[in-house]
Amino acid sequence: MKLTGLYKGMRKGYGETLVELGEKYKNLVVLDADLSSSTQTAMFAKKFPDRFFNAGVAEQNMIGMAAGLATTGKIVFASSFAMFASGRAWEIIRNLIAYPKLNVKVVATHAGITVGEDGASHQMCEDIAIMRAIPNMRVIAPSDYYHTKNIIREIANIDGPFYVRMPRRDTEIIYESEEEAEFKLGKAKVLAEGEDLTIIATGEEVPEALRAKEILKEKGIDAEVIEMATIKPIDEKAIKEANDLIVTVEDHSIIGGLGGAVSEVLAEIGGKKLLRIGIPDEFGRSGKADELLKYYGLDGEGIAKRIIKWIKG
C-alpha cells in the first residue's frame, strides 16, 4: 500500500453515498442539526427534501426524532459535529437508540484535533471512548474518501445502531478505488507487511502510519501497518497475531480510544508491549490542522520519532 498524494474529504464521500442510498432505499431518511453544509448531508436534502429533517441546533431532539422514525421502519442517518453528536446527545443515544437497538446510524464529522482553529471546545477527542462504552453500539472510523463510501453502504445494510466518526479536513487517499477500499465490520486489514513491530492505526491517522513506516524503513526498522477501522467490535484476532511490539495511532485521546481498546485485549493475552500514540490527557488548542498534528506528534515524522525513542529506551 502506497500513499497517493491525492486528497479528498471523507465528508464528501458520506454526502455522495447518502444520495446513492436514497435512490436505492425509499425508507432511508437523513437528519441534521443545522450543519448540513458542513456534514455534507445537504446533498441528500437537495435530492430528497421530503426525507430530510433539520432539527435545528438541538442535537438531543435530533436523536429523539431519529429514534421515532426508526420505530416506523426507517433506515435513519443522523449527523452533526462529533462534539455535539456524541457529547451533547450521549444520554439520548444511550437510552433511545442503543438500549432498544434501533436502526439509527449516528455519523459525526469534525472529529479529533484536526478541527483546528475552532479550538478545544470543538475538538472532540473523547468520542470513541464514550461511544464504545455504550452496549449495542458499534464504532467505526474510515481511513479515506473511498473507504467512507463503502462503510456507509455497509452499515445501511446492517440493522442496529452505529457511530461513525470522520474529520473536518480533506485527507490523503490511500485506496485507488472503491473496489480496493473493501470494508468488513469487525475486521482489520494489513496494509503493509513488517516483522519488527506493528502499527495499528485508525481514521485519518492511517496515511500517517504508512508515512511513518517509510521513515522507519530508512532507519532499518521493518514496521507492519494495520488499519483498524472498526474499533468496536475490535478485531482481537488481528491484535493477537500482530508483532510483539505494537503501536496504536489515533487522532483521539490515548484514554479509552483505539489504544485503550487494544490494551484491553493485550491485558488478557499478555506477552506483547504497547505504545499508545494519540492526544494526551489534556484539552486541545487552536491551530491549523497540520500544525496540530505535528505538535502532538501525529504526523508521519512524529510517529516515527516516538517509535524510535520507545525502541531505544
Protein backbone atom coordinates (compact mmCIF):
# COMPACT_ATOMS: atom_id res chain seq x y z
CA MET A 1 0.00 0.00 0.00
CA LYS A 2 1.46 3.35 -1.09
CA LEU A 3 0.38 6.92 -0.43
CA THR A 4 -1.17 8.64 -3.45
CA GLY A 5 -0.53 12.30 -2.65
CA LEU A 6 -4.17 12.99 -3.54
CA TYR A 7 -6.60 14.45 -1.01
CA LYS A 8 -10.38 14.29 -0.76
CA GLY A 9 -12.87 14.78 2.07
CA MET A 10 -14.49 11.84 3.84
CA ARG A 11 -17.47 14.15 4.44
CA LYS A 12 -17.93 14.45 0.70
CA GLY A 13 -17.86 10.69 0.33
CA TYR A 14 -20.52 10.48 3.03
CA GLY A 15 -22.82 13.01 1.35
CA GLU A 16 -22.47 11.41 -2.08
CA THR A 17 -23.20 7.95 -0.70
CA LEU A 18 -26.31 9.13 1.11
CA VAL A 19 -27.71 10.31 -2.22
CA GLU A 20 -26.86 6.96 -3.80
CA LEU A 21 -28.53 5.08 -0.95
CA GLY A 22 -31.55 7.38 -1.09
CA GLU A 23 -32.15 6.23 -4.65
CA LYS A 24 -31.88 2.59 -3.58
CA TYR A 25 -33.82 2.66 -0.30
CA LYS A 26 -37.06 4.60 -0.27
CA ASN A 27 -37.29 4.16 3.51
CA LEU A 28 -33.95 5.90 4.17
CA VAL A 29 -34.16 9.27 5.92
CA VAL A 30 -31.50 11.76 6.99
CA LEU A 31 -31.45 14.15 9.93
CA ASP A 32 -29.12 17.02 10.74
CA ALA A 33 -28.74 19.65 13.44
CA ASP A 34 -28.42 22.80 11.33
CA LEU A 35 -24.99 21.84 9.99
CA SER A 36 -25.91 20.14 6.73
CA SER A 37 -23.47 22.19 4.65
CA SER A 38 -20.62 21.12 6.90
CA THR A 39 -21.65 17.49 7.33
CA GLN A 40 -22.47 17.30 3.59
CA THR A 41 -25.95 15.94 4.24
CA ALA A 42 -27.14 18.95 2.22
CA MET A 43 -26.58 16.80 -0.87
CA PHE A 44 -29.32 14.45 0.33
CA ALA A 45 -31.55 17.35 1.37
CA LYS A 46 -31.39 18.81 -2.13
CA LYS A 47 -32.19 15.49 -3.81
CA PHE A 48 -34.78 14.22 -1.32
CA PRO A 49 -36.23 17.21 0.57
CA ASP A 50 -39.20 15.19 1.78
CA ARG A 51 -36.90 12.69 3.52
CA PHE A 52 -34.56 15.20 5.14
CA PHE A 53 -35.23 16.72 8.55
CA ASN A 54 -33.34 19.62 10.11
CA ALA A 55 -33.72 19.57 13.88
CA GLY A 56 -32.01 22.91 14.31
CA VAL A 57 -29.39 23.48 16.98
CA ALA A 58 -30.91 20.76 19.14
CA GLU A 59 -28.92 17.55 18.87
CA GLN A 60 -30.87 15.77 21.63
CA ASN A 61 -34.09 16.43 19.74
CA MET A 62 -32.48 15.18 16.53
CA ILE A 63 -31.67 11.84 18.17
CA GLY A 64 -35.18 11.64 19.62
CA MET A 65 -36.63 12.26 16.16
CA ALA A 66 -34.28 9.62 14.73
CA ALA A 67 -35.48 7.09 17.30
CA GLY A 68 -39.11 7.76 16.46
CA LEU A 69 -38.52 7.41 12.73
CA ALA A 70 -36.59 4.17 13.27
CA THR A 71 -39.57 2.64 15.10
CA THR A 72 -41.61 3.10 11.90
CA GLY A 73 -39.18 1.01 9.85
CA LYS A 74 -36.95 3.76 8.51
CA ILE A 75 -33.20 3.49 7.98
CA VAL A 76 -32.02 6.62 9.77
CA PHE A 77 -28.79 8.58 9.39
CA ALA A 78 -28.34 11.42 11.88
CA SER A 79 -25.39 13.81 11.66
CA SER A 80 -23.70 16.70 13.41
CA PHE A 81 -20.21 17.61 14.58
CA ALA A 82 -18.66 14.91 16.75
CA MET A 83 -18.62 17.23 19.77
CA PHE A 84 -22.39 17.61 19.63
CA ALA A 85 -23.46 14.28 18.14
CA SER A 86 -21.62 12.17 20.71
CA GLY A 87 -21.21 14.66 23.55
CA ARG A 88 -24.35 16.73 23.84
CA ALA A 89 -26.63 13.87 22.78
CA TRP A 90 -24.86 11.00 24.57
CA GLU A 91 -27.58 10.15 27.09
CA ILE A 92 -30.30 10.29 24.43
CA ILE A 93 -28.28 7.98 22.17
CA ARG A 94 -27.76 5.57 25.07
CA ASN A 95 -31.39 5.36 26.17
CA LEU A 96 -33.36 5.91 22.95
CA ILE A 97 -31.10 4.34 20.31
CA ALA A 98 -28.72 1.79 21.84
CA TYR A 99 -30.93 0.37 24.58
CA PRO A 100 -33.77 -0.63 22.19
CA LYS A 101 -31.25 -1.42 19.39
CA LEU A 102 -32.90 0.94 16.91
CA ASN A 103 -31.72 1.25 13.33
CA VAL A 104 -30.04 4.65 13.65
CA LYS A 105 -26.61 5.49 12.26
CA VAL A 106 -25.01 8.46 14.02
CA VAL A 107 -22.41 9.82 11.61
CA ALA A 108 -20.27 12.54 13.15
CA THR A 109 -17.95 14.88 11.27
CA HIS A 110 -15.30 17.31 12.57
CA ALA A 111 -13.86 14.71 14.97
CA GLY A 112 -10.44 14.90 16.57
CA ILE A 113 -7.76 17.54 16.92
CA THR A 114 -7.75 18.46 13.22
CA VAL A 115 -10.89 20.55 13.61
CA GLY A 116 -8.08 23.07 14.01
CA GLU A 117 -8.72 26.73 14.68
CA ASP A 118 -12.09 26.05 16.33
CA GLY A 119 -10.06 25.00 19.35
CA ALA A 120 -10.70 22.80 22.38
CA SER A 121 -14.44 23.49 22.59
CA HIS A 122 -14.98 21.78 19.22
CA GLN A 123 -12.09 19.29 19.12
CA MET A 124 -13.80 16.07 20.15
CA CYS A 125 -11.04 13.68 21.20
CA GLU A 126 -13.14 11.57 23.57
CA ASP A 127 -15.95 10.33 21.30
CA ILE A 128 -14.58 6.84 20.59
CA ALA A 129 -14.20 6.26 24.32
CA ILE A 130 -17.69 7.33 25.32
CA MET A 131 -19.47 5.75 22.38
CA ARG A 132 -17.79 2.35 22.55
CA ALA A 133 -18.75 2.13 26.23
CA ILE A 134 -22.43 2.01 25.25
CA PRO A 135 -23.84 -1.53 24.89
CA ASN A 136 -25.09 -2.43 21.37
CA MET A 137 -23.14 0.46 19.81
CA ARG A 138 -20.65 -0.24 17.02
CA VAL A 139 -17.90 2.32 16.42
CA ILE A 140 -16.11 2.93 13.11
CA ALA A 141 -13.51 5.41 11.79
CA PRO A 142 -12.96 5.39 7.99
CA SER A 143 -9.46 5.85 6.55
CA ASP A 144 -10.17 7.85 3.39
CA TYR A 145 -12.79 9.02 0.89
CA TYR A 146 -13.36 5.67 -0.84
CA HIS A 147 -13.30 3.79 2.44
CA THR A 148 -16.01 6.09 3.80
CA LYS A 149 -18.31 5.34 0.88
CA ASN A 150 -18.03 1.58 1.40
CA ILE A 151 -18.55 1.88 5.14
CA ILE A 152 -21.73 3.93 4.74
CA ARG A 153 -23.07 1.42 2.23
CA GLU A 154 -22.26 -1.46 4.55
CA ILE A 155 -23.87 -0.07 7.69
CA ALA A 156 -27.01 0.88 5.76
CA ASN A 157 -27.47 -2.86 5.22
CA ILE A 158 -26.85 -3.86 8.84
CA ASP A 159 -29.66 -3.34 11.32
CA GLY A 160 -28.99 -1.51 14.56
CA PRO A 161 -27.05 1.44 15.96
CA PHE A 162 -23.68 2.67 14.67
CA TYR A 163 -21.36 5.56 15.41
CA VAL A 164 -19.09 6.67 12.56
CA ARG A 165 -16.53 9.45 13.04
CA MET A 166 -14.67 11.40 10.39
CA PRO A 167 -12.51 14.53 10.31
CA ARG A 168 -13.19 18.01 9.00
CA ARG A 169 -10.24 18.31 6.63
CA ASP A 170 -9.61 16.60 3.32
CA THR A 171 -7.41 13.57 3.94
CA GLU A 172 -4.96 11.66 1.81
CA ILE A 173 -6.43 8.94 -0.36
CA ILE A 174 -4.78 5.59 0.32
CA TYR A 175 -7.06 3.45 -1.85
CA GLU A 176 -7.11 3.88 -5.61
CA SER A 177 -10.75 2.80 -5.98
CA GLU A 178 -13.87 1.79 -4.10
CA GLU A 179 -13.17 -1.83 -5.02
CA GLU A 180 -9.79 -1.67 -3.30
CA ALA A 181 -11.25 0.00 -0.21
CA GLU A 182 -13.10 -3.11 0.93
CA PHE A 183 -14.67 -2.96 4.39
CA LYS A 184 -15.92 -5.73 6.64
CA LEU A 185 -17.35 -4.91 10.04
CA GLY A 186 -15.05 -6.04 12.83
CA LYS A 187 -12.18 -6.98 10.53
CA ALA A 188 -8.80 -5.26 10.49
CA LYS A 189 -6.74 -5.02 7.31
CA VAL A 190 -2.99 -5.41 6.90
CA LEU A 191 -1.90 -2.57 4.61
CA ALA A 192 1.83 -3.22 4.77
CA GLU A 193 3.85 -6.20 5.97
CA GLY A 194 6.62 -5.87 8.56
CA GLU A 195 8.48 -8.09 11.02
CA ASP A 196 9.86 -5.79 13.73
CA LEU A 197 6.73 -4.13 15.07
CA THR A 198 3.08 -3.47 14.25
CA ILE A 199 1.47 -0.05 13.90
CA ILE A 200 -2.29 -0.23 14.36
CA ALA A 201 -3.92 2.97 13.12
CA THR A 202 -7.45 4.23 12.68
CA GLY A 203 -9.17 7.05 10.81
CA GLU A 204 -7.14 9.85 9.28
CA GLU A 205 -4.03 8.56 11.04
CA VAL A 206 -3.79 5.57 8.69
CA PRO A 207 -1.97 7.56 5.96
CA GLU A 208 0.36 8.98 8.63
CA ALA A 209 1.13 5.46 9.84
CA LEU A 210 2.06 4.47 6.29
CA ARG A 211 4.27 7.55 6.08
CA ALA A 212 5.92 6.59 9.38
CA LYS A 213 6.62 3.12 8.02
CA GLU A 214 8.70 4.58 5.19
CA ILE A 215 10.67 6.76 7.61
CA LEU A 216 11.31 3.79 9.91
CA LYS A 217 12.44 1.73 6.92
CA GLU A 218 15.26 4.20 6.35
CA LYS A 219 16.33 3.57 9.95
CA GLY A 220 16.35 -0.19 9.45
CA ILE A 221 13.06 -0.82 11.24
CA ASP A 222 10.53 -3.00 9.43
CA ALA A 223 7.01 -1.98 10.53
CA GLU A 224 3.75 -3.70 9.76
CA VAL A 225 0.77 -1.35 9.32
CA ILE A 226 -2.74 -2.47 10.21
CA GLU A 227 -5.87 -0.44 9.51
CA MET A 228 -8.33 -0.84 12.40
CA ALA A 229 -11.43 0.87 11.05
CA THR A 230 -13.79 -0.91 13.44
CA ILE A 231 -12.90 0.00 16.99
CA LYS A 232 -15.95 -1.84 18.30
CA PRO A 233 -16.25 -4.76 17.79
CA ILE A 234 -12.46 -4.79 17.63
CA ASP A 235 -10.59 -7.48 15.71
CA GLU A 236 -9.00 -9.41 18.58
CA LYS A 237 -7.52 -11.99 16.22
CA ALA A 238 -5.54 -9.33 14.35
CA ILE A 239 -4.16 -7.98 17.63
CA LYS A 240 -3.16 -11.44 18.84
CA GLU A 241 -1.40 -12.17 15.53
CA ALA A 242 0.47 -8.84 15.46
CA ASN A 243 4.17 -8.48 16.28
CA ASP A 244 5.24 -8.44 19.92
CA LEU A 245 5.80 -4.67 19.75
CA ILE A 246 2.55 -2.85 18.99
CA VAL A 247 1.97 0.89 18.48
CA THR A 248 -1.54 2.37 18.26
CA VAL A 249 -2.04 5.67 16.45
CA GLU A 250 -5.20 7.78 16.59
CA ASP A 251 -6.45 11.36 16.41
CA HIS A 252 -8.16 10.78 19.75
CA SER A 253 -7.29 10.67 23.42
CA ILE A 254 -4.99 7.80 24.37
CA ILE A 255 -7.54 7.10 27.11
CA GLY A 256 -10.40 4.87 26.02
CA GLY A 257 -9.93 5.06 22.25
CA LEU A 258 -8.12 2.68 19.92
CA GLY A 259 -5.17 2.47 22.31
CA GLY A 260 -7.49 1.67 25.19
CA ALA A 261 -9.34 -0.99 23.20
CA VAL A 262 -6.12 -2.68 22.08
CA SER A 263 -4.66 -2.55 25.59
CA GLU A 264 -7.75 -4.32 26.94
CA VAL A 265 -7.14 -7.21 24.56
CA LEU A 266 -3.41 -7.32 25.34
CA ALA A 267 -4.05 -7.30 29.10
CA GLU A 268 -5.89 -10.59 28.74
CA ILE A 269 -3.42 -12.37 26.46
CA GLY A 270 -0.11 -10.90 27.73
CA GLY A 271 3.27 -11.29 26.02
CA LYS A 272 3.25 -8.07 23.97
CA LYS A 273 4.31 -4.48 24.60
CA LEU A 274 2.20 -1.46 23.64
CA LEU A 275 2.90 2.20 22.87
CA ARG A 276 -0.17 4.45 22.56
CA ILE A 277 0.24 7.49 20.32
CA GLY A 278 -2.60 10.00 20.35
CA ILE A 279 -3.78 13.05 22.25
CA PRO A 280 -2.50 13.05 25.87
CA ASP A 281 -4.83 13.63 28.81
CA GLU A 282 -5.42 17.29 28.04
CA PHE A 283 -7.67 19.58 26.05
CA GLY A 284 -6.62 20.62 22.56
CA ARG A 285 -5.60 24.04 21.37
CA SER A 286 -6.28 26.29 18.42
CA GLY A 287 -4.13 26.00 15.30
CA LYS A 288 -4.05 24.73 11.74
CA ALA A 289 -4.70 21.01 11.35
CA ASP A 290 -1.22 20.16 10.04
CA GLU A 291 0.43 22.23 12.77
CA LEU A 292 -1.57 20.45 15.45
CA LEU A 293 -0.71 17.01 14.08
CA LYS A 294 2.96 17.95 14.20
CA TYR A 295 2.64 19.48 17.68
CA TYR A 296 1.09 16.29 19.06
CA GLY A 297 3.47 14.01 17.14
CA LEU A 298 0.69 12.60 14.99
CA ASP A 299 2.24 13.24 11.60
CA GLY A 300 4.38 10.54 9.98
CA GLU A 301 7.63 12.05 11.21
CA GLY A 302 6.37 12.46 14.75
CA ILE A 303 5.08 8.89 14.88
CA ALA A 304 8.42 7.53 13.65
CA LYS A 305 10.35 9.59 16.22
CA ARG A 306 8.18 8.33 19.07
CA ILE A 307 8.64 4.74 17.94
CA ILE A 308 12.42 5.04 17.62
CA LYS A 309 12.66 6.61 21.08
CA TRP A 310 10.46 3.85 22.53
CA ILE A 311 12.52 1.06 20.96
CA LYS A 312 15.77 2.59 22.21
CA GLY A 313 14.61 3.11 25.65
